[in-house]
Amino acid sequence: MKIGKLAEATGVPASSIRFYEKHRLIPPPERQSNGYRDYPEEMVSRIRTIAMSKSLGFSLSEIRRFLPDDPASSIPRPEVIANLEKKLVDVDQKIRDLHEIRQSLIDMIAYLNDPDAKGC
C-alpha cells in the first residue's frame, strides 16, 4: 500500500510515517519500480500503535523499546500492561511535581502582593 493510503487508513500524516521510518519505529518498506514506498498491510496496526502510544505520553525511544522487531507481531498483553503501569507512575510523579510548582507560584505571587515584602 502506498504511503497516502496508509496515512488515510491510520489517520497519521504521511510526513509522520516517513519520520517513524527515519527513526526506526517502522522498518523501511519495499520500493515499487517507480520508487514509491510499498507498505505491507500490517503497518496499519503498527502505525496505530505508535500513534496511540504517543497520545498516552510515551516518547519515541520508549515506543521503540517495546515495539516488536517484526511488524506482524503483537506486543504481549502482560508487557503492554507493565508499560502502561510504568507510564502511570511517571504521570503521577509529574502531577505531584506540577502541584509543587503551582504552590510555589502561588506563594511567590502572594509574597510579591504583600506591601511589606522586601523585593524579589
N, C-alpha and C. Protein backbone atom coordinates (compact mmCIF):
# COMPACT_ATOMS: atom_id res chain seq x y z
N MET A 1 0.84 -1.17 0.00
CA MET A 1 0.00 0.00 0.00
C MET A 1 0.89 1.24 0.00
N LYS A 2 0.49 2.24 -0.75
CA LYS A 2 1.25 3.48 -0.83
C LYS A 2 1.08 4.28 0.46
N ILE A 3 1.99 5.21 0.67
CA ILE A 3 2.01 5.98 1.91
C ILE A 3 0.73 6.79 2.11
N GLY A 4 0.14 7.30 1.04
CA GLY A 4 -1.10 8.06 1.16
C GLY A 4 -2.25 7.20 1.68
N LYS A 5 -2.33 5.98 1.18
CA LYS A 5 -3.38 5.06 1.64
C LYS A 5 -3.13 4.65 3.08
N LEU A 6 -1.86 4.44 3.44
CA LEU A 6 -1.52 4.10 4.82
C LEU A 6 -1.87 5.27 5.75
N ALA A 7 -1.57 6.47 5.32
CA ALA A 7 -1.91 7.66 6.10
C ALA A 7 -3.42 7.75 6.30
N GLU A 8 -4.16 7.51 5.25
CA GLU A 8 -5.62 7.56 5.33
C GLU A 8 -6.16 6.47 6.26
N ALA A 9 -5.60 5.27 6.17
CA ALA A 9 -6.08 4.14 6.98
C ALA A 9 -5.77 4.32 8.46
N THR A 10 -4.71 5.06 8.79
CA THR A 10 -4.30 5.21 10.17
C THR A 10 -4.65 6.56 10.79
N GLY A 11 -4.95 7.55 9.94
CA GLY A 11 -5.19 8.89 10.45
C GLY A 11 -3.91 9.61 10.83
N VAL A 12 -2.78 9.08 10.38
CA VAL A 12 -1.46 9.66 10.68
C VAL A 12 -0.92 10.27 9.38
N PRO A 13 -0.46 11.52 9.42
CA PRO A 13 0.05 12.14 8.20
C PRO A 13 1.23 11.38 7.59
N ALA A 14 1.34 11.45 6.28
CA ALA A 14 2.45 10.78 5.58
C ALA A 14 3.80 11.27 6.10
N SER A 15 3.89 12.54 6.44
CA SER A 15 5.15 13.07 6.97
C SER A 15 5.53 12.37 8.28
N SER A 16 4.55 12.06 9.11
CA SER A 16 4.83 11.34 10.36
C SER A 16 5.27 9.91 10.08
N ILE A 17 4.66 9.30 9.09
CA ILE A 17 5.04 7.93 8.73
C ILE A 17 6.49 7.91 8.25
N ARG A 18 6.87 8.88 7.43
CA ARG A 18 8.26 8.96 6.99
C ARG A 18 9.19 9.22 8.18
N PHE A 19 8.73 10.04 9.12
CA PHE A 19 9.50 10.31 10.34
C PHE A 19 9.70 9.02 11.14
N TYR A 20 8.65 8.23 11.30
CA TYR A 20 8.75 6.96 12.03
C TYR A 20 9.74 6.02 11.34
N GLU A 21 9.72 6.03 10.03
CA GLU A 21 10.67 5.20 9.27
C GLU A 21 12.10 5.69 9.52
N LYS A 22 12.30 7.00 9.44
CA LYS A 22 13.63 7.58 9.64
C LYS A 22 14.17 7.25 11.03
N HIS A 23 13.28 7.21 12.02
CA HIS A 23 13.69 6.96 13.40
C HIS A 23 13.51 5.50 13.82
N ARG A 24 13.39 4.63 12.83
CA ARG A 24 13.40 3.17 13.02
C ARG A 24 12.26 2.64 13.89
N LEU A 25 11.12 3.33 13.89
CA LEU A 25 9.94 2.80 14.56
C LEU A 25 9.21 1.82 13.65
N ILE A 26 9.39 2.02 12.36
CA ILE A 26 8.87 1.08 11.37
C ILE A 26 10.02 0.73 10.42
N PRO A 27 10.03 -0.49 9.93
CA PRO A 27 11.11 -0.84 9.00
C PRO A 27 10.92 -0.15 7.65
N PRO A 28 12.01 0.05 6.94
CA PRO A 28 11.87 0.66 5.61
C PRO A 28 11.03 -0.25 4.71
N PRO A 29 10.09 0.31 4.00
CA PRO A 29 9.25 -0.50 3.13
C PRO A 29 9.96 -0.87 1.83
N GLU A 30 9.40 -1.83 1.19
CA GLU A 30 9.86 -2.15 -0.17
C GLU A 30 9.56 -0.94 -1.05
N ARG A 31 10.27 -0.84 -2.15
CA ARG A 31 10.02 0.25 -3.10
C ARG A 31 9.48 -0.34 -4.39
N GLN A 32 8.48 0.32 -4.93
CA GLN A 32 7.95 -0.08 -6.24
C GLN A 32 8.95 0.34 -7.30
N SER A 33 8.75 -0.12 -8.51
CA SER A 33 9.68 0.21 -9.60
C SER A 33 9.76 1.73 -9.85
N ASN A 34 8.69 2.44 -9.51
CA ASN A 34 8.69 3.90 -9.69
C ASN A 34 9.28 4.63 -8.47
N GLY A 35 9.75 3.86 -7.47
CA GLY A 35 10.38 4.45 -6.29
C GLY A 35 9.44 4.72 -5.14
N TYR A 36 8.13 4.53 -5.36
CA TYR A 36 7.16 4.77 -4.29
C TYR A 36 7.31 3.71 -3.21
N ARG A 37 7.09 4.13 -1.97
CA ARG A 37 7.10 3.18 -0.86
C ARG A 37 5.89 2.25 -1.00
N ASP A 38 6.12 0.99 -0.65
CA ASP A 38 5.04 -0.01 -0.70
C ASP A 38 4.97 -0.70 0.65
N TYR A 39 4.02 -0.27 1.50
CA TYR A 39 3.91 -0.78 2.86
C TYR A 39 3.03 -2.01 2.92
N PRO A 40 3.42 -3.00 3.73
CA PRO A 40 2.56 -4.16 3.93
C PRO A 40 1.36 -3.80 4.80
N GLU A 41 0.32 -4.58 4.74
CA GLU A 41 -0.92 -4.33 5.47
C GLU A 41 -0.70 -4.23 6.99
N GLU A 42 0.26 -4.99 7.53
CA GLU A 42 0.46 -4.97 8.98
C GLU A 42 0.99 -3.63 9.50
N MET A 43 1.41 -2.75 8.59
CA MET A 43 1.86 -1.43 9.02
C MET A 43 0.72 -0.60 9.57
N VAL A 44 -0.51 -0.88 9.16
CA VAL A 44 -1.66 -0.14 9.69
C VAL A 44 -1.72 -0.29 11.20
N SER A 45 -1.63 -1.52 11.68
CA SER A 45 -1.67 -1.78 13.12
C SER A 45 -0.46 -1.15 13.81
N ARG A 46 0.69 -1.28 13.22
CA ARG A 46 1.92 -0.74 13.81
C ARG A 46 1.85 0.78 13.96
N ILE A 47 1.41 1.45 12.90
CA ILE A 47 1.31 2.92 12.93
C ILE A 47 0.26 3.35 13.97
N ARG A 48 -0.85 2.65 14.03
CA ARG A 48 -1.87 2.97 15.04
C ARG A 48 -1.33 2.78 16.45
N THR A 49 -0.54 1.74 16.67
CA THR A 49 0.07 1.51 17.98
C THR A 49 1.01 2.65 18.34
N ILE A 50 1.80 3.09 17.39
CA ILE A 50 2.72 4.20 17.63
C ILE A 50 1.94 5.47 17.96
N ALA A 51 0.91 5.77 17.17
CA ALA A 51 0.12 6.99 17.40
C ALA A 51 -0.58 6.95 18.76
N MET A 52 -1.16 5.81 19.10
CA MET A 52 -1.84 5.69 20.39
C MET A 52 -0.83 5.83 21.53
N SER A 53 0.34 5.21 21.39
CA SER A 53 1.37 5.29 22.43
C SER A 53 1.82 6.73 22.63
N LYS A 54 2.00 7.46 21.53
CA LYS A 54 2.38 8.88 21.63
C LYS A 54 1.29 9.66 22.35
N SER A 55 0.03 9.38 22.05
CA SER A 55 -1.07 10.11 22.68
C SER A 55 -1.15 9.82 24.18
N LEU A 56 -0.59 8.68 24.61
CA LEU A 56 -0.56 8.33 26.04
C LEU A 56 0.69 8.85 26.74
N GLY A 57 1.52 9.58 26.00
CA GLY A 57 2.68 10.22 26.60
C GLY A 57 3.99 9.47 26.48
N PHE A 58 4.00 8.38 25.72
CA PHE A 58 5.25 7.64 25.54
C PHE A 58 6.15 8.39 24.57
N SER A 59 7.43 8.44 24.88
CA SER A 59 8.40 9.05 23.98
C SER A 59 8.71 8.07 22.84
N LEU A 60 9.32 8.57 21.79
CA LEU A 60 9.68 7.70 20.67
C LEU A 60 10.66 6.62 21.11
N SER A 61 11.60 6.96 21.99
CA SER A 61 12.56 5.95 22.44
C SER A 61 11.87 4.88 23.29
N GLU A 62 10.89 5.27 24.09
CA GLU A 62 10.13 4.28 24.86
C GLU A 62 9.35 3.37 23.92
N ILE A 63 8.72 3.96 22.91
CA ILE A 63 7.95 3.18 21.95
C ILE A 63 8.86 2.21 21.21
N ARG A 64 10.01 2.68 20.80
CA ARG A 64 10.96 1.84 20.07
C ARG A 64 11.35 0.62 20.90
N ARG A 65 11.52 0.81 22.21
CA ARG A 65 11.94 -0.29 23.09
C ARG A 65 10.88 -1.39 23.20
N PHE A 66 9.60 -1.02 23.19
CA PHE A 66 8.60 -2.07 23.40
C PHE A 66 7.96 -2.61 22.12
N LEU A 67 8.20 -1.96 21.00
CA LEU A 67 7.67 -2.49 19.75
C LEU A 67 8.44 -3.74 19.35
N PRO A 68 7.75 -4.78 18.93
CA PRO A 68 8.47 -5.97 18.45
C PRO A 68 9.20 -5.66 17.15
N ASP A 69 10.29 -6.38 16.92
CA ASP A 69 11.06 -6.18 15.69
C ASP A 69 10.23 -6.51 14.45
N ASP A 70 9.43 -7.55 14.56
CA ASP A 70 8.59 -7.98 13.45
C ASP A 70 7.27 -7.21 13.48
N PRO A 71 7.00 -6.35 12.49
CA PRO A 71 5.78 -5.56 12.48
C PRO A 71 4.50 -6.41 12.49
N ALA A 72 4.59 -7.67 12.09
CA ALA A 72 3.40 -8.53 12.09
C ALA A 72 3.12 -9.10 13.48
N SER A 73 4.08 -8.96 14.40
CA SER A 73 3.91 -9.47 15.75
C SER A 73 3.20 -8.44 16.62
N SER A 74 2.52 -8.94 17.63
CA SER A 74 1.89 -8.02 18.58
C SER A 74 2.69 -8.03 19.88
N ILE A 75 2.47 -7.02 20.69
CA ILE A 75 3.15 -6.93 21.98
C ILE A 75 2.35 -7.79 22.95
N PRO A 76 3.03 -8.66 23.70
CA PRO A 76 2.30 -9.50 24.65
C PRO A 76 1.54 -8.64 25.68
N ARG A 77 0.33 -9.05 25.99
CA ARG A 77 -0.53 -8.29 26.89
C ARG A 77 0.14 -7.94 28.22
N PRO A 78 0.84 -8.88 28.89
CA PRO A 78 1.49 -8.51 30.16
C PRO A 78 2.53 -7.39 29.98
N GLU A 79 3.19 -7.38 28.84
CA GLU A 79 4.17 -6.33 28.57
C GLU A 79 3.47 -4.98 28.35
N VAL A 80 2.33 -5.00 27.67
CA VAL A 80 1.56 -3.77 27.46
C VAL A 80 1.12 -3.21 28.81
N ILE A 81 0.60 -4.08 29.67
CA ILE A 81 0.14 -3.65 30.98
C ILE A 81 1.30 -3.09 31.80
N ALA A 82 2.44 -3.77 31.79
CA ALA A 82 3.61 -3.29 32.54
C ALA A 82 4.06 -1.91 32.04
N ASN A 83 4.07 -1.70 30.73
CA ASN A 83 4.46 -0.40 30.18
C ASN A 83 3.46 0.68 30.58
N LEU A 84 2.18 0.36 30.54
CA LEU A 84 1.16 1.33 30.93
C LEU A 84 1.25 1.66 32.41
N GLU A 85 1.49 0.66 33.24
CA GLU A 85 1.62 0.91 34.68
C GLU A 85 2.83 1.78 34.98
N LYS A 86 3.94 1.54 34.29
CA LYS A 86 5.13 2.36 34.49
C LYS A 86 4.86 3.80 34.06
N LYS A 87 4.18 3.97 32.93
CA LYS A 87 3.85 5.32 32.46
C LYS A 87 2.92 6.01 33.45
N LEU A 88 1.99 5.27 34.05
CA LEU A 88 1.08 5.85 35.03
C LEU A 88 1.85 6.36 36.25
N VAL A 89 2.84 5.61 36.71
CA VAL A 89 3.70 6.05 37.82
C VAL A 89 4.41 7.35 37.43
N ASP A 90 4.94 7.40 36.21
CA ASP A 90 5.62 8.61 35.73
C ASP A 90 4.67 9.81 35.69
N VAL A 91 3.47 9.60 35.20
CA VAL A 91 2.48 10.67 35.11
C VAL A 91 2.10 11.16 36.51
N ASP A 92 1.89 10.23 37.43
CA ASP A 92 1.56 10.62 38.80
C ASP A 92 2.67 11.47 39.42
N GLN A 93 3.93 11.12 39.14
CA GLN A 93 5.05 11.92 39.66
C GLN A 93 5.06 13.31 39.03
N LYS A 94 4.79 13.39 37.74
CA LYS A 94 4.74 14.70 37.08
C LYS A 94 3.63 15.56 37.67
N ILE A 95 2.49 14.93 37.99
CA ILE A 95 1.38 15.67 38.59
C ILE A 95 1.81 16.22 39.96
N ARG A 96 2.49 15.40 40.77
CA ARG A 96 2.98 15.87 42.07
C ARG A 96 3.97 17.02 41.88
N ASP A 97 4.87 16.88 40.93
CA ASP A 97 5.84 17.94 40.65
C ASP A 97 5.14 19.23 40.23
N LEU A 98 4.15 19.12 39.38
CA LEU A 98 3.42 20.30 38.92
C LEU A 98 2.64 20.95 40.06
N HIS A 99 2.10 20.16 40.96
CA HIS A 99 1.41 20.73 42.13
C HIS A 99 2.39 21.52 43.00
N GLU A 100 3.61 21.00 43.15
CA GLU A 100 4.62 21.73 43.92
C GLU A 100 4.99 23.04 43.24
N ILE A 101 5.17 23.00 41.94
CA ILE A 101 5.49 24.22 41.18
C ILE A 101 4.34 25.21 41.30
N ARG A 102 3.12 24.70 41.18
CA ARG A 102 1.93 25.56 41.28
C ARG A 102 1.90 26.25 42.64
N GLN A 103 2.13 25.50 43.69
CA GLN A 103 2.11 26.08 45.03
C GLN A 103 3.22 27.11 45.19
N SER A 104 4.38 26.84 44.63
CA SER A 104 5.48 27.82 44.70
C SER A 104 5.11 29.11 43.98
N LEU A 105 4.42 28.99 42.86
CA LEU A 105 3.98 30.18 42.13
C LEU A 105 2.95 30.97 42.95
N ILE A 106 2.02 30.27 43.56
CA ILE A 106 1.02 30.93 44.40
C ILE A 106 1.70 31.66 45.55
N ASP A 107 2.66 30.98 46.19
CA ASP A 107 3.39 31.59 47.30
C ASP A 107 4.15 32.83 46.86
N MET A 108 4.80 32.76 45.70
CA MET A 108 5.58 33.91 45.19
C MET A 108 4.65 35.08 44.87
N ILE A 109 3.52 34.79 44.24
CA ILE A 109 2.56 35.86 43.93
C ILE A 109 2.06 36.51 45.22
N ALA A 110 1.73 35.69 46.21
CA ALA A 110 1.25 36.23 47.49
C ALA A 110 2.33 37.08 48.14
N TYR A 111 3.57 36.61 48.11
CA TYR A 111 4.68 37.35 48.69
C TYR A 111 4.84 38.71 48.00
N LEU A 112 4.82 38.70 46.67
CA LEU A 112 5.04 39.94 45.92
C LEU A 112 3.84 40.89 46.03
N ASN A 113 2.67 40.36 46.31
CA ASN A 113 1.49 41.22 46.50
C ASN A 113 1.45 41.80 47.92
N ASP A 114 2.28 41.32 48.79
CA ASP A 114 2.33 41.84 50.16
C ASP A 114 3.06 43.17 50.15
N PRO A 115 2.38 44.23 50.60
CA PRO A 115 3.04 45.54 50.56
C PRO A 115 4.27 45.63 51.46
N ASP A 116 4.38 44.72 52.41
CA ASP A 116 5.55 44.73 53.30
C ASP A 116 6.71 43.88 52.78
N ALA A 117 6.50 43.21 51.63
CA ALA A 117 7.56 42.36 51.06
C ALA A 117 8.76 43.23 50.69
N LYS A 118 9.92 42.70 50.91
CA LYS A 118 11.15 43.46 50.65
C LYS A 118 11.79 43.02 49.34
N GLY A 119 11.15 43.28 48.23
CA GLY A 119 11.69 42.97 46.91
C GLY A 119 11.54 41.51 46.53
N CYS A 120 12.16 41.16 45.44
CA CYS A 120 12.07 39.80 44.93
C CYS A 120 13.10 38.97 45.62
